[in-house]
Amino acid sequence: MKQIQEWLGHSDISTTANIYAHLDSASKNVSAETMEQALPLPASTPAAGWGTMSL
Protein backbone atom coordinates (compact mmCIF):
# COMPACT_ATOMS: atom_id res chain seq x y z
CA MET A 1 0.00 0.00 0.00
CA LYS A 2 2.78 2.39 0.91
CA GLN A 3 4.41 1.98 -2.51
CA ILE A 4 1.09 2.62 -4.28
CA GLN A 5 0.63 5.76 -2.18
CA GLU A 6 4.06 7.01 -3.20
CA TRP A 7 3.60 6.13 -6.89
CA LEU A 8 0.25 7.90 -7.10
CA GLY A 9 1.27 10.86 -4.97
CA HIS A 10 -1.40 10.51 -2.30
CA SER A 11 -0.42 12.60 0.70
CA ASP A 12 -2.38 10.38 3.10
CA ILE A 13 -2.15 6.56 3.26
CA SER A 14 -5.84 6.36 4.18
CA THR A 15 -6.75 7.74 0.75
CA THR A 16 -4.78 4.97 -0.92
CA ALA A 17 -6.13 2.31 1.44
CA ASN A 18 -9.74 3.36 0.89
CA ILE A 19 -9.42 3.27 -2.90
CA TYR A 20 -7.07 0.32 -3.46
CA ALA A 21 -7.72 -2.03 -0.51
CA HIS A 22 -9.20 -4.65 -2.89
CA LEU A 23 -5.76 -5.04 -4.52
CA ASP A 24 -4.36 -6.36 -1.26
CA SER A 25 -6.74 -9.35 -0.94
CA ALA A 26 -4.15 -11.81 -2.27
CA SER A 27 -1.68 -10.93 0.47
CA LYS A 28 -4.44 -11.27 3.07
CA ASN A 29 -5.12 -14.80 1.83
CA VAL A 30 -1.42 -15.66 2.03
CA SER A 31 -1.26 -14.26 5.57
CA ALA A 32 -4.32 -16.25 6.63
CA GLU A 33 -2.91 -19.49 5.18
CA THR A 34 0.45 -18.88 6.86
CA MET A 35 -1.18 -18.27 10.23
CA GLU A 36 -3.36 -21.34 9.84
CA GLN A 37 -0.27 -23.49 9.26
CA ALA A 38 1.78 -21.88 12.03
CA LEU A 39 -1.01 -21.76 14.63
CA PRO A 40 -3.30 -24.72 14.00
CA LEU A 41 -6.49 -24.97 16.01
CA PRO A 42 -6.87 -28.01 18.23
CA ALA A 43 -8.79 -30.91 16.67
CA SER A 44 -11.15 -30.99 19.64
CA THR A 45 -11.64 -29.14 22.87
CA PRO A 46 -10.73 -30.98 26.07
CA ALA A 47 -13.79 -31.90 28.15
CA ALA A 48 -12.46 -30.38 31.36
CA GLY A 49 -10.83 -27.02 31.75
CA TRP A 50 -12.07 -25.13 28.70
CA GLY A 51 -14.82 -22.57 29.19
CA THR A 52 -15.31 -23.37 32.85
CA MET A 53 -13.97 -21.55 35.82
CA SER A 54 -14.15 -22.69 39.44
CA LEU A 55 -14.34 -20.09 42.15
PDB file of N, CA and C in Angstrom:
ATOM      1  N   MET A   1       0.820  -1.201   0.000  1.00  0.00           N
ATOM      2  CA  MET A   1       0.000   0.000   0.000  1.00  0.00           C
ATOM      3  C   MET A   1       0.860   1.260   0.000  1.00  0.00           C
ATOM      4  N   LYS A   2       1.928   1.213   0.808  1.00  0.00           N
ATOM      5  CA  LYS A   2       2.781   2.392   0.907  1.00  0.00           C
ATOM      6  C   LYS A   2       3.404   2.732  -0.443  1.00  0.00           C
ATOM      7  N   GLN A   3       3.818   1.734  -1.189  1.00  0.00           N
ATOM      8  CA  GLN A   3       4.408   1.984  -2.506  1.00  0.00           C
ATOM      9  C   GLN A   3       3.377   2.573  -3.458  1.00  0.00           C
ATOM     10  N   ILE A   4       2.155   2.071  -3.416  1.00  0.00           N
ATOM     11  CA  ILE A   4       1.090   2.617  -4.276  1.00  0.00           C
ATOM     12  C   ILE A   4       0.850   4.074  -3.929  1.00  0.00           C
ATOM     13  N   GLN A   5       0.815   4.377  -2.619  1.00  0.00           N
ATOM     14  CA  GLN A   5       0.632   5.764  -2.182  1.00  0.00           C
ATOM     15  C   GLN A   5       1.712   6.660  -2.773  1.00  0.00           C
ATOM     16  N   GLU A   6       2.947   6.193  -2.693  1.00  0.00           N
ATOM     17  CA  GLU A   6       4.056   7.006  -3.205  1.00  0.00           C
ATOM     18  C   GLU A   6       3.991   7.163  -4.716  1.00  0.00           C
ATOM     19  N   TRP A   7       3.687   6.069  -5.430  1.00  0.00           N
ATOM     20  CA  TRP A   7       3.603   6.133  -6.893  1.00  0.00           C
ATOM     21  C   TRP A   7       2.515   7.087  -7.359  1.00  0.00           C
ATOM     22  N   LEU A   8       1.382   7.070  -6.666  1.00  0.00           N
ATOM     23  CA  LEU A   8       0.254   7.899  -7.096  1.00  0.00           C
ATOM     24  C   LEU A   8       0.268   9.298  -6.503  1.00  0.00           C
ATOM     25  N   GLY A   9       1.145   9.531  -5.541  1.00  0.00           N
ATOM     26  CA  GLY A   9       1.265  10.860  -4.971  1.00  0.00           C
ATOM     27  C   GLY A   9       0.212  11.215  -3.944  1.00  0.00           C
ATOM     28  N   HIS A  10      -0.431  10.208  -3.350  1.00  0.00           N
ATOM     29  CA  HIS A  10      -1.399  10.508  -2.300  1.00  0.00           C
ATOM     30  C   HIS A  10      -0.654  10.984  -1.056  1.00  0.00           C
ATOM     31  N   SER A  11      -1.102  12.082  -0.485  1.00  0.00           N
ATOM     32  CA  SER A  11      -0.419  12.602   0.696  1.00  0.00           C
ATOM     33  C   SER A  11      -0.782  11.816   1.952  1.00  0.00           C
ATOM     34  N   ASP A  12      -1.909  11.113   1.928  1.00  0.00           N
ATOM     35  CA  ASP A  12      -2.380  10.376   3.097  1.00  0.00           C
ATOM     36  C   ASP A  12      -2.590   8.904   2.737  1.00  0.00           C
ATOM     37  N   ILE A  13      -2.025   7.998   3.533  1.00  0.00           N
ATOM     38  CA  ILE A  13      -2.145   6.564   3.259  1.00  0.00           C
ATOM     39  C   ILE A  13      -3.599   6.099   3.308  1.00  0.00           C
ATOM     40  N   SER A  14      -4.439   6.777   4.098  1.00  0.00           N
ATOM     41  CA  SER A  14      -5.843   6.356   4.184  1.00  0.00           C
ATOM     42  C   SER A  14      -6.565   6.553   2.855  1.00  0.00           C
ATOM     43  N   THR A  15      -6.171   7.545   2.084  1.00  0.00           N
ATOM     44  CA  THR A  15      -6.754   7.740   0.753  1.00  0.00           C
ATOM     45  C   THR A  15      -6.446   6.534  -0.122  1.00  0.00           C
ATOM     46  N   THR A  16      -5.191   6.129  -0.128  1.00  0.00           N
ATOM     47  CA  THR A  16      -4.777   4.971  -0.920  1.00  0.00           C
ATOM     48  C   THR A  16      -5.485   3.719  -0.442  1.00  0.00           C
ATOM     49  N   ALA A  17      -5.514   3.509   0.872  1.00  0.00           N
ATOM     50  CA  ALA A  17      -6.130   2.306   1.438  1.00  0.00           C
ATOM     51  C   ALA A  17      -7.616   2.235   1.109  1.00  0.00           C
ATOM     52  N   ASN A  18      -8.303   3.346   1.177  1.00  0.00           N
ATOM     53  CA  ASN A  18      -9.739   3.358   0.893  1.00  0.00           C
ATOM     54  C   ASN A  18     -10.040   3.045  -0.569  1.00  0.00           C
ATOM     55  N   ILE A  19      -9.180   3.473  -1.465  1.00  0.00           N
ATOM     56  CA  ILE A  19      -9.420   3.275  -2.896  1.00  0.00           C
ATOM     57  C   ILE A  19      -8.904   1.932  -3.392  1.00  0.00           C
ATOM     58  N   TYR A  20      -7.731   1.490  -2.880  1.00  0.00           N
ATOM     59  CA  TYR A  20      -7.065   0.324  -3.456  1.00  0.00           C
ATOM     60  C   TYR A  20      -6.988  -0.881  -2.525  1.00  0.00           C
ATOM     61  N   ALA A  21      -7.773  -0.919  -1.470  1.00  0.00           N
ATOM     62  CA  ALA A  21      -7.725  -2.030  -0.512  1.00  0.00           C
ATOM     63  C   ALA A  21      -8.012  -3.368  -1.188  1.00  0.00           C
ATOM     64  N   HIS A  22      -8.865  -3.396  -2.203  1.00  0.00           N
ATOM     65  CA  HIS A  22      -9.201  -4.646  -2.888  1.00  0.00           C
ATOM     66  C   HIS A  22      -7.988  -5.272  -3.567  1.00  0.00           C
ATOM     67  N   LEU A  23      -6.961  -4.498  -3.874  1.00  0.00           N
ATOM     68  CA  LEU A  23      -5.765  -5.037  -4.517  1.00  0.00           C
ATOM     69  C   LEU A  23      -4.919  -5.865  -3.555  1.00  0.00           C
ATOM     70  N   ASP A  24      -5.167  -5.696  -2.264  1.00  0.00           N
ATOM     71  CA  ASP A  24      -4.362  -6.361  -1.260  1.00  0.00           C
ATOM     72  C   ASP A  24      -4.976  -7.685  -0.790  1.00  0.00           C
ATOM     73  N   SER A  25      -6.061  -8.133  -1.411  1.00  0.00           N
ATOM     74  CA  SER A  25      -6.735  -9.348  -0.945  1.00  0.00           C
ATOM     75  C   SER A  25      -5.863 -10.589  -1.089  1.00  0.00           C
ATOM     76  N   ALA A  26      -5.025 -10.645  -2.092  1.00  0.00           N
ATOM     77  CA  ALA A  26      -4.153 -11.814  -2.270  1.00  0.00           C
ATOM     78  C   ALA A  26      -3.182 -11.949  -1.107  1.00  0.00           C
ATOM     79  N   SER A  27      -2.611 -10.855  -0.657  1.00  0.00           N
ATOM     80  CA  SER A  27      -1.676 -10.933   0.470  1.00  0.00           C
ATOM     81  C   SER A  27      -2.400 -11.277   1.758  1.00  0.00           C
ATOM     82  N   LYS A  28      -3.664 -10.882   1.893  1.00  0.00           N
ATOM     83  CA  LYS A  28      -4.444 -11.268   3.066  1.00  0.00           C
ATOM     84  C   LYS A  28      -4.671 -12.772   3.077  1.00  0.00           C
ATOM     85  N   ASN A  29      -4.931 -13.346   1.922  1.00  0.00           N
ATOM     86  CA  ASN A  29      -5.121 -14.797   1.834  1.00  0.00           C
ATOM     87  C   ASN A  29      -3.828 -15.535   2.190  1.00  0.00           C
ATOM     88  N   VAL A  30      -2.703 -15.040   1.711  1.00  0.00           N
ATOM     89  CA  VAL A  30      -1.417 -15.662   2.029  1.00  0.00           C
ATOM     90  C   VAL A  30      -1.161 -15.571   3.534  1.00  0.00           C
ATOM     91  N   SER A  31      -1.449 -14.424   4.126  1.00  0.00           N
ATOM     92  CA  SER A  31      -1.262 -14.256   5.567  1.00  0.00           C
ATOM     93  C   SER A  31      -2.144 -15.217   6.353  1.00  0.00           C
ATOM     94  N   ALA A  32      -3.397 -15.351   5.946  1.00  0.00           N
ATOM     95  CA  ALA A  32      -4.322 -16.253   6.629  1.00  0.00           C
ATOM     96  C   ALA A  32      -3.850 -17.701   6.535  1.00  0.00           C
ATOM     97  N   GLU A  33      -3.400 -18.115   5.364  1.00  0.00           N
ATOM     98  CA  GLU A  33      -2.906 -19.488   5.184  1.00  0.00           C
ATOM     99  C   GLU A  33      -1.651 -19.735   6.013  1.00  0.00           C
ATOM    100  N   THR A  34      -0.773 -18.754   6.071  1.00  0.00           N
ATOM    101  CA  THR A  34       0.452 -18.882   6.857  1.00  0.00           C
ATOM    102  C   THR A  34       0.130 -19.013   8.338  1.00  0.00           C
ATOM    103  N   MET A  35      -0.786 -18.193   8.827  1.00  0.00           N
ATOM    104  CA  MET A  35      -1.177 -18.266  10.232  1.00  0.00           C
ATOM    105  C   MET A  35      -1.862 -19.587  10.551  1.00  0.00           C
ATOM    106  N   GLU A  36      -2.667 -20.065   9.634  1.00  0.00           N
ATOM    107  CA  GLU A  36      -3.355 -21.342   9.841  1.00  0.00           C
ATOM    108  C   GLU A  36      -2.348 -22.482   9.989  1.00  0.00           C
ATOM    109  N   GLN A  37      -1.287 -22.446   9.193  1.00  0.00           N
ATOM    110  CA  GLN A  37      -0.270 -23.489   9.262  1.00  0.00           C
ATOM    111  C   GLN A  37       0.603 -23.341  10.514  1.00  0.00           C
ATOM    112  N   ALA A  38       0.898 -22.123  10.885  1.00  0.00           N
ATOM    113  CA  ALA A  38       1.778 -21.880  12.025  1.00  0.00           C
ATOM    114  C   ALA A  38       1.056 -22.041  13.361  1.00  0.00           C
ATOM    115  N   LEU A  39      -0.227 -21.724  13.392  1.00  0.00           N
ATOM    116  CA  LEU A  39      -1.006 -21.759  14.626  1.00  0.00           C
ATOM    117  C   LEU A  39      -2.262 -22.596  14.439  1.00  0.00           C
ATOM    118  N   PRO A  40      -2.108 -23.898  14.256  1.00  0.00           N
ATOM    119  CA  PRO A  40      -3.296 -24.723  13.999  1.00  0.00           C
ATOM    120  C   PRO A  40      -4.221 -24.769  15.212  1.00  0.00           C
ATOM    121  N   LEU A  41      -5.503 -24.827  14.947  1.00  0.00           N
ATOM    122  CA  LEU A  41      -6.489 -24.971  16.009  1.00  0.00           C
ATOM    123  C   LEU A  41      -6.489 -26.415  16.485  1.00  0.00           C
ATOM    124  N   PRO A  42      -6.802 -26.632  17.756  1.00  0.00           N
ATOM    125  CA  PRO A  42      -6.865 -28.013  18.233  1.00  0.00           C
ATOM    126  C   PRO A  42      -7.987 -28.776  17.527  1.00  0.00           C
ATOM    127  N   ALA A  43      -7.784 -30.081  17.339  1.00  0.00           N
ATOM    128  CA  ALA A  43      -8.788 -30.909  16.666  1.00  0.00           C
ATOM    129  C   ALA A  43     -10.079 -30.955  17.465  1.00  0.00           C
ATOM    130  N   SER A  44      -9.960 -31.007  18.785  1.00  0.00           N
ATOM    131  CA  SER A  44     -11.150 -30.988  19.638  1.00  0.00           C
ATOM    132  C   SER A  44     -10.809 -30.278  20.933  1.00  0.00           C
ATOM    133  N   THR A  45     -11.835 -29.838  21.618  1.00  0.00           N
ATOM    134  CA  THR A  45     -11.642 -29.135  22.868  1.00  0.00           C
ATOM    135  C   THR A  45     -11.661 -30.134  24.024  1.00  0.00           C
ATOM    136  N   PRO A  46     -10.716 -30.070  24.924  1.00  0.00           N
ATOM    137  CA  PRO A  46     -10.732 -30.980  26.072  1.00  0.00           C
ATOM    138  C   PRO A  46     -12.017 -30.824  26.879  1.00  0.00           C
ATOM    139  N   ALA A  47     -12.528 -31.909  27.410  1.00  0.00           N
ATOM    140  CA  ALA A  47     -13.792 -31.899  28.151  1.00  0.00           C
ATOM    141  C   ALA A  47     -13.694 -31.048  29.409  1.00  0.00           C
ATOM    142  N   ALA A  48     -12.596 -31.132  30.112  1.00  0.00           N
ATOM    143  CA  ALA A  48     -12.456 -30.378  31.359  1.00  0.00           C
ATOM    144  C   ALA A  48     -11.471 -29.228  31.164  1.00  0.00           C
ATOM    145  N   GLY A  49     -11.777 -28.119  31.748  1.00  0.00           N
ATOM    146  CA  GLY A  49     -10.832 -27.021  31.750  1.00  0.00           C
ATOM    147  C   GLY A  49     -11.125 -25.907  30.774  1.00  0.00           C
ATOM    148  N   TRP A  50     -11.792 -26.162  29.687  1.00  0.00           N
ATOM    149  CA  TRP A  50     -12.073 -25.125  28.701  1.00  0.00           C
ATOM    150  C   TRP A  50     -13.454 -24.542  28.953  1.00  0.00           C
ATOM    151  N   GLY A  51     -13.524 -23.251  29.069  1.00  0.00           N
ATOM    152  CA  GLY A  51     -14.816 -22.569  29.188  1.00  0.00           C
ATOM    153  C   GLY A  51     -15.453 -22.687  30.556  1.00  0.00           C
ATOM    154  N   THR A  52     -14.768 -23.286  31.504  1.00  0.00           N
ATOM    155  CA  THR A  52     -15.311 -23.370  32.854  1.00  0.00           C
ATOM    156  C   THR A  52     -14.322 -22.756  33.810  1.00  0.00           C
ATOM    157  N   MET A  53     -14.832 -22.172  34.850  1.00  0.00           N
ATOM    158  CA  MET A  53     -13.971 -21.548  35.816  1.00  0.00           C
ATOM    159  C   MET A  53     -14.517 -21.833  37.199  1.00  0.00           C
ATOM    160  N   SER A  54     -13.726 -22.411  38.068  1.00  0.00           N
ATOM    161  CA  SER A  54     -14.154 -22.691  39.440  1.00  0.00           C
ATOM    162  C   SER A  54     -13.772 -21.514  40.318  1.00  0.00           C
ATOM    163  N   LEU A  55     -14.653 -21.170  41.195  1.00  0.00           N
ATOM    164  CA  LEU A  55     -14.342 -20.090  42.146  1.00  0.00           C
ATOM    165  C   LEU A  55     -14.261 -20.628  43.527  1.00  0.00           C
TER     166      LEU A  55
END
